[in-house]
C-alpha atoms as a PDB file:
ATOM      1  CA  MET A   1      16.125  -5.266 -26.639  1.00  0.00           C
ATOM      2  CA  THR A   2      13.969  -8.093 -27.959  1.00  0.00           C
ATOM      3  CA  HIS A   3      10.219  -7.750 -28.398  1.00  0.00           C
ATOM      4  CA  LEU A   4       9.591 -10.414 -25.734  1.00  0.00           C
ATOM      5  CA  ARG A   5      11.748  -8.686 -23.153  1.00  0.00           C
ATOM      6  CA  GLN A   6      10.119  -5.325 -23.862  1.00  0.00           C
ATOM      7  CA  ARG A   7       6.690  -6.928 -23.564  1.00  0.00           C
ATOM      8  CA  MET A   8       7.590  -8.538 -20.238  1.00  0.00           C
ATOM      9  CA  ILE A   9       8.916  -5.245 -18.859  1.00  0.00           C
ATOM     10  CA  GLU A  10       5.731  -3.468 -19.906  1.00  0.00           C
ATOM     11  CA  ASP A  11       3.634  -6.206 -18.252  1.00  0.00           C
ATOM     12  CA  MET A  12       5.607  -5.789 -15.030  1.00  0.00           C
ATOM     13  CA  GLN A  13       5.158  -2.029 -15.160  1.00  0.00           C
ATOM     14  CA  LEU A  14       1.413  -2.511 -15.526  1.00  0.00           C
ATOM     15  CA  ARG A  15       1.472  -4.791 -12.465  1.00  0.00           C
ATOM     16  CA  GLY A  16       3.307  -2.095 -10.507  1.00  0.00           C
ATOM     17  CA  LEU A  17       6.498  -4.088  -9.871  1.00  0.00           C
ATOM     18  CA  SER A  18       9.534  -2.092  -8.733  1.00  0.00           C
ATOM     19  CA  GLU A  19      12.537  -1.542 -11.006  1.00  0.00           C
ATOM     20  CA  GLY A  20      14.648  -3.844  -8.858  1.00  0.00           C
ATOM     21  CA  THR A  21      12.095  -6.651  -9.138  1.00  0.00           C
ATOM     22  CA  GLN A  22      11.836  -6.109 -12.884  1.00  0.00           C
ATOM     23  CA  GLN A  23      15.599  -6.514 -13.268  1.00  0.00           C
ATOM     24  CA  GLN A  24      15.608  -9.716 -11.214  1.00  0.00           C
ATOM     25  CA  TYR A  25      12.719 -11.236 -13.174  1.00  0.00           C
ATOM     26  CA  VAL A  26      14.240 -10.358 -16.544  1.00  0.00           C
ATOM     27  CA  GLY A  27      17.547 -11.838 -15.394  1.00  0.00           C
ATOM     28  CA  ALA A  28      15.853 -15.096 -14.388  1.00  0.00           C
ATOM     29  CA  VAL A  29      14.279 -15.504 -17.840  1.00  0.00           C
ATOM     30  CA  ARG A  30      17.514 -14.513 -19.582  1.00  0.00           C
ATOM     31  CA  ARG A  31      19.473 -17.215 -17.724  1.00  0.00           C
ATOM     32  CA  LEU A  32      16.828 -19.786 -18.661  1.00  0.00           C
ATOM     33  CA  ALA A  33      17.184 -18.843 -22.340  1.00  0.00           C
ATOM     34  CA  GLU A  34      20.994 -18.971 -22.094  1.00  0.00           C
ATOM     35  CA  HIS A  35      20.819 -22.422 -20.514  1.00  0.00           C
ATOM     36  CA  TYR A  36      19.065 -23.823 -23.598  1.00  0.00           C
ATOM     37  CA  ALA A  37      20.627 -21.375 -26.073  1.00  0.00           C
ATOM     38  CA  LYS A  38      17.279 -20.431 -27.580  1.00  0.00           C
ATOM     39  CA  PRO A  39      14.524 -17.852 -27.077  1.00  0.00           C
ATOM     40  CA  PRO A  40      12.392 -18.513 -23.975  1.00  0.00           C
ATOM     41  CA  ASP A  41       9.152 -18.721 -25.969  1.00  0.00           C
ATOM     42  CA  GLN A  42      10.601 -21.771 -27.790  1.00  0.00           C
ATOM     43  CA  ILE A  43      11.305 -23.675 -24.563  1.00  0.00           C
ATOM     44  CA  SER A  44       8.912 -26.529 -23.856  1.00  0.00           C
ATOM     45  CA  GLU A  45       7.244 -27.261 -20.547  1.00  0.00           C
ATOM     46  CA  GLU A  46       9.379 -30.383 -20.104  1.00  0.00           C
ATOM     47  CA  GLU A  47      12.541 -28.366 -20.682  1.00  0.00           C
ATOM     48  CA  LEU A  48      11.376 -25.844 -18.110  1.00  0.00           C
ATOM     49  CA  ARG A  49      10.684 -28.678 -15.671  1.00  0.00           C
ATOM     50  CA  GLN A  50      14.198 -30.075 -16.114  1.00  0.00           C
ATOM     51  CA  TYR A  51      15.735 -26.615 -15.708  1.00  0.00           C
ATOM     52  CA  LEU A  52      13.938 -26.079 -12.404  1.00  0.00           C
ATOM     53  CA  LEU A  53      15.076 -29.493 -11.170  1.00  0.00           C
ATOM     54  CA  TYR A  54      18.603 -28.546 -12.201  1.00  0.00           C
ATOM     55  CA  LEU A  55      18.408 -25.383 -10.105  1.00  0.00           C
ATOM     56  CA  ILE A  56      17.066 -27.290  -7.101  1.00  0.00           C
ATOM     57  CA  ASN A  57      19.211 -30.451  -7.232  1.00  0.00           C
ATOM     58  CA  ASP A  58      22.417 -29.454  -9.000  1.00  0.00           C
ATOM     59  CA  ARG A  59      22.767 -25.732  -8.324  1.00  0.00           C
ATOM     60  CA  GLN A  60      21.117 -26.070  -4.899  1.00  0.00           C
ATOM     61  CA  LEU A  61      20.003 -22.472  -4.868  1.00  0.00           C
ATOM     62  CA  SER A  62      18.902 -21.017  -1.551  1.00  0.00           C
ATOM     63  CA  LYS A  63      15.165 -20.784  -0.988  1.00  0.00           C
ATOM     64  CA  SER A  64      15.217 -17.000  -1.278  1.00  0.00           C
ATOM     65  CA  THR A  65      17.188 -17.012  -4.553  1.00  0.00           C
ATOM     66  CA  LEU A  66      15.110 -19.855  -5.973  1.00  0.00           C
ATOM     67  CA  GLY A  67      11.941 -17.994  -5.041  1.00  0.00           C
ATOM     68  CA  VAL A  68      12.963 -14.947  -7.087  1.00  0.00           C
ATOM     69  CA  VAL A  69      13.889 -17.131 -10.073  1.00  0.00           C
ATOM     70  CA  LEU A  70      10.579 -18.998  -9.928  1.00  0.00           C
ATOM     71  CA  CYS A  71       8.547 -15.822  -9.630  1.00  0.00           C
ATOM     72  CA  GLY A  72      10.337 -14.293 -12.617  1.00  0.00           C
ATOM     73  CA  ILE A  73       9.865 -17.358 -14.818  1.00  0.00           C
ATOM     74  CA  LYS A  74       6.237 -17.822 -13.750  1.00  0.00           C
ATOM     75  CA  PHE A  75       5.493 -14.178 -14.474  1.00  0.00           C
ATOM     76  CA  PHE A  76       6.928 -14.475 -17.988  1.00  0.00           C
ATOM     77  CA  TYR A  77       5.028 -17.621 -18.943  1.00  0.00           C
ATOM     78  CA  GLN A  78       1.758 -16.853 -17.173  1.00  0.00           C
ATOM     79  CA  TYR A  79       1.361 -13.143 -17.925  1.00  0.00           C
ATOM     80  CA  THR A  80       3.515 -12.398 -20.976  1.00  0.00           C
ATOM     81  CA  LEU A  81       3.058 -15.661 -22.907  1.00  0.00           C
ATOM     82  CA  LYS A  82      -0.334 -16.605 -21.343  1.00  0.00           C
ATOM     83  CA  ARG A  83       0.710 -20.213 -20.773  1.00  0.00           C
ATOM     84  CA  GLU A  84      -0.927 -22.074 -17.886  1.00  0.00           C
ATOM     85  CA  TRP A  85       1.522 -24.958 -17.553  1.00  0.00           C
ATOM     86  CA  PRO A  86       0.963 -27.397 -14.655  1.00  0.00           C
ATOM     87  CA  THR A  87       4.701 -27.236 -13.883  1.00  0.00           C
ATOM     88  CA  LEU A  88       4.332 -23.596 -12.894  1.00  0.00           C
ATOM     89  CA  GLY A  89       1.837 -24.584 -10.204  1.00  0.00           C
ATOM     90  CA  LEU A  90       4.244 -27.100  -8.641  1.00  0.00           C
ATOM     91  CA  THR A  91       7.070 -24.690  -7.958  1.00  0.00           C
ATOM     92  CA  ARG A  92       6.561 -23.154  -4.543  1.00  0.00           C
ATOM     93  CA  PRO A  93       9.599 -23.242  -2.262  1.00  0.00           C
ATOM     94  CA  ARG A  94       8.833 -23.106   1.446  1.00  0.00           C
ATOM     95  CA  TYR A  95      10.411 -20.211   3.237  1.00  0.00           C
ATOM     96  CA  LYS A  96      11.825 -20.346   6.718  1.00  0.00           C
ATOM     97  CA  ARG A  97      11.125 -16.953   8.184  1.00  0.00           C
ATOM     98  CA  LYS A  98      14.141 -15.601  10.027  1.00  0.00           C
ATOM     99  CA  LEU A  99      14.158 -12.784  12.527  1.00  0.00           C
ATOM    100  CA  PRO A 100      15.950  -9.766  11.068  1.00  0.00           C
ATOM    101  CA  VAL A 101      19.166  -8.396  12.525  1.00  0.00           C
ATOM    102  CA  VAL A 102      18.494  -5.424  14.790  1.00  0.00           C
ATOM    103  CA  LEU A 103      21.088  -2.969  16.062  1.00  0.00           C
ATOM    104  CA  SER A 104      20.780  -1.140  19.357  1.00  0.00           C
ATOM    105  CA  THR A 105      20.740   2.660  19.360  1.00  0.00           C
ATOM    106  CA  VAL A 106      24.309   2.591  20.665  1.00  0.00           C
ATOM    107  CA  GLU A 107      25.416   0.277  17.838  1.00  0.00           C
ATOM    108  CA  VAL A 108      23.756   2.488  15.227  1.00  0.00           C
ATOM    109  CA  ARG A 109      25.687   5.496  16.564  1.00  0.00           C
ATOM    110  CA  GLN A 110      28.910   3.475  16.511  1.00  0.00           C
ATOM    111  CA  ILE A 111      28.476   2.514  12.863  1.00  0.00           C
ATOM    112  CA  LEU A 112      27.437   5.985  11.706  1.00  0.00           C
ATOM    113  CA  GLY A 113      30.382   7.382  13.664  1.00  0.00           C
ATOM    114  CA  CYS A 114      32.773   5.281  11.571  1.00  0.00           C
ATOM    115  CA  LEU A 115      31.653   6.906   8.305  1.00  0.00           C
ATOM    116  CA  ARG A 116      34.343   9.152   6.883  1.00  0.00           C
ATOM    117  CA  THR A 117      32.459  11.278   4.356  1.00  0.00           C
ATOM    118  CA  LEU A 118      29.482  13.573   4.815  1.00  0.00           C
ATOM    119  CA  ARG A 119      27.622  12.142   1.814  1.00  0.00           C
ATOM    120  CA  TYR A 120      27.423   8.679   3.372  1.00  0.00           C
ATOM    121  CA  GLN A 121      26.775  10.076   6.843  1.00  0.00           C
ATOM    122  CA  ALA A 122      23.816  11.983   5.410  1.00  0.00           C
ATOM    123  CA  CYS A 123      22.503   9.100   3.303  1.00  0.00           C
ATOM    124  CA  LEU A 124      22.786   6.295   5.873  1.00  0.00           C
ATOM    125  CA  GLY A 125      21.680   8.596   8.687  1.00  0.00           C
ATOM    126  CA  THR A 126      18.548   9.472   6.710  1.00  0.00           C
ATOM    127  CA  ILE A 127      17.838   5.829   5.925  1.00  0.00           C
ATOM    128  CA  TYR A 128      17.928   5.000   9.639  1.00  0.00           C
ATOM    129  CA  SER A 129      16.148   8.071  11.007  1.00  0.00           C
ATOM    130  CA  CYS A 130      13.307   7.780   8.478  1.00  0.00           C
ATOM    131  CA  GLY A 131      13.071   3.973   8.287  1.00  0.00           C
ATOM    132  CA  LEU A 132      13.747   3.830   4.546  1.00  0.00           C
ATOM    133  CA  ARG A 133      14.642   1.007   2.232  1.00  0.00           C
ATOM    134  CA  LEU A 134      18.057   1.480   0.645  1.00  0.00           C
ATOM    135  CA  ALA A 135      16.674   2.260  -2.828  1.00  0.00           C
ATOM    136  CA  GLU A 136      14.166   4.705  -1.337  1.00  0.00           C
ATOM    137  CA  GLY A 137      16.926   6.579   0.459  1.00  0.00           C
ATOM    138  CA  VAL A 138      19.293   6.757  -2.498  1.00  0.00           C
ATOM    139  CA  HIS A 139      16.539   8.040  -4.806  1.00  0.00           C
ATOM    140  CA  LEU A 140      15.336  10.857  -2.555  1.00  0.00           C
ATOM    141  CA  ARG A 141      14.852  14.146  -4.377  1.00  0.00           C
ATOM    142  CA  VAL A 142      15.360  17.644  -3.031  1.00  0.00           C
ATOM    143  CA  SER A 143      11.631  18.268  -3.529  1.00  0.00           C
ATOM    144  CA  ASP A 144      10.818  15.292  -1.271  1.00  0.00           C
ATOM    145  CA  ILE A 145      11.965  17.206   1.818  1.00  0.00           C
ATOM    146  CA  ASP A 146       9.145  19.266   3.304  1.00  0.00           C
ATOM    147  CA  SER A 147      10.801  21.342   6.026  1.00  0.00           C
ATOM    148  CA  ASP A 148       7.588  23.273   6.765  1.00  0.00           C
ATOM    149  CA  ARG A 149       5.657  20.146   7.739  1.00  0.00           C
ATOM    150  CA  MET A 150       8.838  18.286   8.785  1.00  0.00           C
ATOM    151  CA  VAL A 151       8.049  15.216   6.690  1.00  0.00           C
ATOM    152  CA  VAL A 152       9.783  13.303   3.902  1.00  0.00           C
ATOM    153  CA  TYR A 153       7.821  12.209   0.849  1.00  0.00           C
ATOM    154  CA  VAL A 154       8.898   8.644   0.093  1.00  0.00           C
ATOM    155  CA  ARG A 155       8.349   7.095  -3.314  1.00  0.00           C
ATOM    156  CA  GLY A 156       7.652   3.521  -2.262  1.00  0.00           C
ATOM    157  CA  GLN A 157       9.802   0.882  -3.974  1.00  0.00           C
ATOM    158  CA  LYS A 158       7.574  -2.006  -2.869  1.00  0.00           C
ATOM    159  CA  SER A 159       4.428  -0.226  -1.710  1.00  0.00           C
ATOM    160  CA  ARG A 160       2.430   2.955  -2.139  1.00  0.00           C
ATOM    161  CA  ASP A 161       4.033   6.335  -1.635  1.00  0.00           C
ATOM    162  CA  ARG A 162       3.996   7.674   1.922  1.00  0.00           C
ATOM    163  CA  HIS A 163       5.074  10.478   4.255  1.00  0.00           C
ATOM    164  CA  VAL A 164       7.388   9.857   7.209  1.00  0.00           C
ATOM    165  CA  PRO A 165       8.440  12.248   9.986  1.00  0.00           C
ATOM    166  CA  LEU A 166      11.638  14.208   9.369  1.00  0.00           C
ATOM    167  CA  PRO A 167      13.747  14.531  12.544  1.00  0.00           C
ATOM    168  CA  THR A 168      15.233  17.978  13.133  1.00  0.00           C
ATOM    169  CA  ARG A 169      18.766  16.566  13.322  1.00  0.00           C
ATOM    170  CA  THR A 170      18.312  14.814   9.974  1.00  0.00           C
ATOM    171  CA  LEU A 171      17.162  18.046   8.321  1.00  0.00           C
ATOM    172  CA  THR A 172      20.239  19.845   9.655  1.00  0.00           C
ATOM    173  CA  VAL A 173      22.596  17.216   8.211  1.00  0.00           C
ATOM    174  CA  LEU A 174      20.757  17.145   4.867  1.00  0.00           C
ATOM    175  CA  ARG A 175      21.009  20.923   4.524  1.00  0.00           C
ATOM    176  CA  GLN A 176      24.691  20.777   5.380  1.00  0.00           C
ATOM    177  CA  TYR A 177      25.320  18.098   2.755  1.00  0.00           C
ATOM    178  CA  TRP A 178      23.144  19.709   0.055  1.00  0.00           C
ATOM    179  CA  SER A 179      25.160  22.931   0.384  1.00  0.00           C
ATOM    180  CA  THR A 180      28.222  20.986  -0.834  1.00  0.00           C
ATOM    181  CA  HIS A 181      26.677  20.093  -4.209  1.00  0.00           C
ATOM    182  CA  ARG A 182      23.415  22.084  -4.662  1.00  0.00           C
ATOM    183  CA  HIS A 183      21.980  19.602  -7.151  1.00  0.00           C
ATOM    184  CA  SER A 184      18.591  20.733  -8.410  1.00  0.00           C
ATOM    185  CA  VAL A 185      17.032  17.245  -8.344  1.00  0.00           C
ATOM    186  CA  TRP A 186      18.891  14.566  -6.387  1.00  0.00           C
ATOM    187  CA  LEU A 187      19.488  14.798  -2.677  1.00  0.00           C
ATOM    188  CA  PHE A 188      22.338  12.270  -2.992  1.00  0.00           C
ATOM    189  CA  PRO A 189      23.715  12.760  -6.517  1.00  0.00           C
ATOM    190  CA  GLY A 190      26.242  10.403  -8.043  1.00  0.00           C
ATOM    191  CA  GLN A 191      29.440  11.610  -9.599  1.00  0.00           C
ATOM    192  CA  MET A 192      31.149  10.985 -12.908  1.00  0.00           C
ATOM    193  CA  PRO A 193      34.969  11.285 -12.979  1.00  0.00           C
ATOM    194  CA  GLY A 194      35.953  14.851 -13.718  1.00  0.00           C
ATOM    195  CA  SER A 195      32.425  16.225 -13.307  1.00  0.00           C
ATOM    196  CA  PRO A 196      30.903  18.025 -10.318  1.00  0.00           C
ATOM    197  CA  ARG A 197      28.037  16.382  -8.442  1.00  0.00           C
ATOM    198  CA  SER A 198      25.812  19.341  -9.309  1.00  0.00           C
ATOM    199  CA  THR A 199      25.608  18.003 -12.890  1.00  0.00           C
ATOM    200  CA  ALA A 200      25.003  14.323 -12.054  1.00  0.00           C
ATOM    201  CA  ILE A 201      22.204  12.678 -14.025  1.00  0.00           C
ATOM    202  CA  LYS A 202      21.747   9.815 -11.546  1.00  0.00           C
ATOM    203  CA  PRO A 203      21.810   9.423  -7.762  1.00  0.00           C
ATOM    204  CA  MET A 204      24.642   7.660  -5.957  1.00  0.00           C
ATOM    205  CA  THR A 205      24.764   3.898  -6.437  1.00  0.00           C
ATOM    206  CA  VAL A 206      23.176   1.370  -4.116  1.00  0.00           C
ATOM    207  CA  ARG A 207      26.332  -0.706  -4.276  1.00  0.00           C
ATOM    208  CA  GLY A 208      28.490   2.175  -3.080  1.00  0.00           C
ATOM    209  CA  VAL A 209      26.267   2.699  -0.032  1.00  0.00           C
ATOM    210  CA  GLN A 210      26.307  -1.029   0.743  1.00  0.00           C
ATOM    211  CA  GLN A 211      30.094  -1.242   0.559  1.00  0.00           C
ATOM    212  CA  THR A 212      30.528   1.850   2.725  1.00  0.00           C
ATOM    213  CA  PHE A 213      28.182   0.453   5.378  1.00  0.00           C
ATOM    214  CA  LYS A 214      30.051  -2.853   5.361  1.00  0.00           C
ATOM    215  CA  MET A 215      33.383  -1.107   5.959  1.00  0.00           C
ATOM    216  CA  ALA A 216      31.909   1.008   8.765  1.00  0.00           C
ATOM    217  CA  LEU A 217      30.429  -2.112  10.367  1.00  0.00           C
ATOM    218  CA  GLN A 218      33.817  -3.843  10.311  1.00  0.00           C
ATOM    219  CA  GLU A 219      35.574  -0.798  11.744  1.00  0.00           C
ATOM    220  CA  SER A 220      33.006  -0.521  14.538  1.00  0.00           C
ATOM    221  CA  GLY A 221      33.863  -4.012  15.740  1.00  0.00           C
ATOM    222  CA  ILE A 222      30.192  -5.010  15.956  1.00  0.00           C
ATOM    223  CA  GLN A 223      29.881  -8.730  15.262  1.00  0.00           C
ATOM    224  CA  LYS A 224      26.278  -8.808  14.038  1.00  0.00           C
ATOM    225  CA  GLN A 225      25.572  -9.809  10.421  1.00  0.00           C
ATOM    226  CA  ALA A 226      24.036  -6.423   9.722  1.00  0.00           C
ATOM    227  CA  THR A 227      23.324  -4.774   6.371  1.00  0.00           C
ATOM    228  CA  VAL A 228      21.955  -1.389   5.357  1.00  0.00           C
ATOM    229  CA  HIS A 229      18.459  -2.881   5.654  1.00  0.00           C
ATOM    230  CA  SER A 230      19.202  -3.588   9.323  1.00  0.00           C
ATOM    231  CA  LEU A 231      18.943   0.174   9.882  1.00  0.00           C
ATOM    232  CA  ARG A 232      15.291   0.022   8.786  1.00  0.00           C
ATOM    233  CA  HIS A 233      14.618  -2.930  11.093  1.00  0.00           C
ATOM    234  CA  SER A 234      16.336  -1.074  13.920  1.00  0.00           C
ATOM    235  CA  TYR A 235      14.254   2.057  13.299  1.00  0.00           C
ATOM    236  CA  ALA A 236      11.022   0.078  13.616  1.00  0.00           C
ATOM    237  CA  THR A 237      12.199  -1.750  16.733  1.00  0.00           C
ATOM    238  CA  HIS A 238      13.380   1.434  18.425  1.00  0.00           C
ATOM    239  CA  LEU A 239      10.045   3.152  17.721  1.00  0.00           C
ATOM    240  CA  LEU A 240       8.165   0.197  19.183  1.00  0.00           C
ATOM    241  CA  GLU A 241      10.356   0.228  22.278  1.00  0.00           C
ATOM    242  CA  ALA A 242       9.654   3.958  22.655  1.00  0.00           C
ATOM    243  CA  GLY A 243       5.908   3.295  22.754  1.00  0.00           C
ATOM    244  CA  VAL A 244       4.870   4.049  19.161  1.00  0.00           C
ATOM    245  CA  SER A 245       1.949   1.828  18.108  1.00  0.00           C
ATOM    246  CA  LEU A 246       2.374  -0.948  15.555  1.00  0.00           C
ATOM    247  CA  ARG A 247      -0.249   0.653  13.322  1.00  0.00           C
ATOM    248  CA  VAL A 248       1.719   3.909  13.117  1.00  0.00           C
ATOM    249  CA  ILE A 249       4.974   2.025  12.482  1.00  0.00           C
ATOM    250  CA  GLN A 250       3.241   0.066   9.722  1.00  0.00           C
ATOM    251  CA  ILE A 251       2.289   3.339   8.012  1.00  0.00           C
ATOM    252  CA  TYR A 252       5.790   4.784   8.359  1.00  0.00           C
ATOM    253  CA  LEU A 253       7.395   1.636   6.914  1.00  0.00           C
ATOM    254  CA  GLY A 254       4.872   1.376   4.089  1.00  0.00           C
ATOM    255  CA  HIS A 255       3.870  -2.191   4.963  1.00  0.00           C
ATOM    256  CA  ILE A 256       0.642  -3.324   3.322  1.00  0.00           C
ATOM    257  CA  SER A 257      -0.018  -6.071   5.858  1.00  0.00           C
ATOM    258  CA  PRO A 258       0.107  -5.511   9.640  1.00  0.00           C
ATOM    259  CA  GLN A 259       1.492  -9.045   9.949  1.00  0.00           C
ATOM    260  CA  THR A 260       4.722  -7.850   8.340  1.00  0.00           C
ATOM    261  CA  THR A 261       5.132  -5.161  10.985  1.00  0.00           C
ATOM    262  CA  ALA A 262       4.157  -7.483  13.834  1.00  0.00           C
ATOM    263  CA  ILE A 263       7.498  -9.300  13.574  1.00  0.00           C
ATOM    264  CA  TYR A 264       9.102  -6.431  15.501  1.00  0.00           C
ATOM    265  CA  THR A 265       7.217  -7.410  18.640  1.00  0.00           C
ATOM    266  CA  HIS A 266       9.604 -10.385  18.811  1.00  0.00           C
ATOM    267  CA  LEU A 267      12.666  -8.166  18.671  1.00  0.00           C
ATOM    268  CA  THR A 268      12.249  -5.676  21.501  1.00  0.00           C
ATOM    269  CA  SER A 269      13.966  -6.340  24.801  1.00  0.00           C
ATOM    270  CA  GLU A 270      11.459  -4.115  26.622  1.00  0.00           C
ATOM    271  CA  ILE A 271       8.502  -6.191  25.449  1.00  0.00           C
ATOM    272  CA  GLU A 272      10.308  -9.423  26.349  1.00  0.00           C
ATOM    273  CA  ASN A 273      11.061  -8.076  29.811  1.00  0.00           C
ATOM    274  CA  GLN A 274       7.448  -6.999  30.295  1.00  0.00           C
ATOM    275  CA  ALA A 275       6.224 -10.428  29.216  1.00  0.00           C
ATOM    276  CA  ALA A 276       8.645 -12.181  31.565  1.00  0.00           C
ATOM    277  CA  GLU A 277       7.535  -9.957  34.434  1.00  0.00           C
ATOM    278  CA  THR A 278       3.873 -10.691  33.713  1.00  0.00           C
ATOM    279  CA  ILE A 279       4.536 -14.436  33.556  1.00  0.00           C
ATOM    280  CA  ASN A 280       6.303 -14.275  36.906  1.00  0.00           C
ATOM    281  CA  GLN A 281       3.309 -12.512  38.431  1.00  0.00           C
ATOM    282  CA  VAL A 282       0.869 -15.017  36.984  1.00  0.00           C
ATOM    283  CA  MET A 283       2.930 -17.964  38.201  1.00  0.00           C
ATOM    284  CA  GLU A 284       3.696 -16.458  41.627  1.00  0.00           C
ATOM    285  CA  ASP A 285       1.068 -18.492  43.465  1.00  0.00           C
ATOM    286  CA  LEU A 286       1.676 -21.704  41.576  1.00  0.00           C
ATOM    287  CA  LYS A 287       2.415 -24.534  44.024  1.00  0.00           C
ATOM    288  CA  TRP A 288       4.863 -27.322  43.129  1.00  0.00           C
END
């Protein structure tokens, strides 16, 4: 590992960026260096400008992908190299906020019912029933489960650590699955060929969970463009529909801003029906 890369990683750690974000940012700078076949600290501002135009005009990256690349490159030059180039201030792609895909409670049961192995039933069921991000769920430790208080200690990937309620059914499934491997650290241990899961040094892979969910979604016949993260969106929406306040949901999800949580008010059929009923009452005496 080069000194520059190590320095950038340390800077990101000091800023509290998640491991996933660190990998994406490092990758963005690495691809920039590969494009010019020289170290990134030897790239001029004009070269950086032309590279960004290349990404926008020739590669035509999506706004979300381009945003990650820009953030990674800006972090490297602004924080690691301390360069305040005007070009870095010009690069701000506008995002079109899309409503997330939400599954109904029936659809969630259908998908989970298509899972063939207990390890994925336990993992994906926990992600949904506790409103976790995928990385948070995969990296759960045995010590994170507090059965006395019925809460799960979540090490936030994008926010501060938090506690979320642990449903009784989820605890039952987790105990059943843990009894099959009895790993001392990981709740969902990975597995090396020829070795028992009880000796795994890492948890199961994010990619494996994603692929399993995709296959279960296809088998269920549900046509929505859902991902594992849709389980988290569905959890929040279902809580809101059940009458849980937005503030409480915000705490459970680990959102820093209440505006992030407020998007779920646009996704609940109950709230839409209530609004339509209220509008009808207000407009009842309107004369045409």
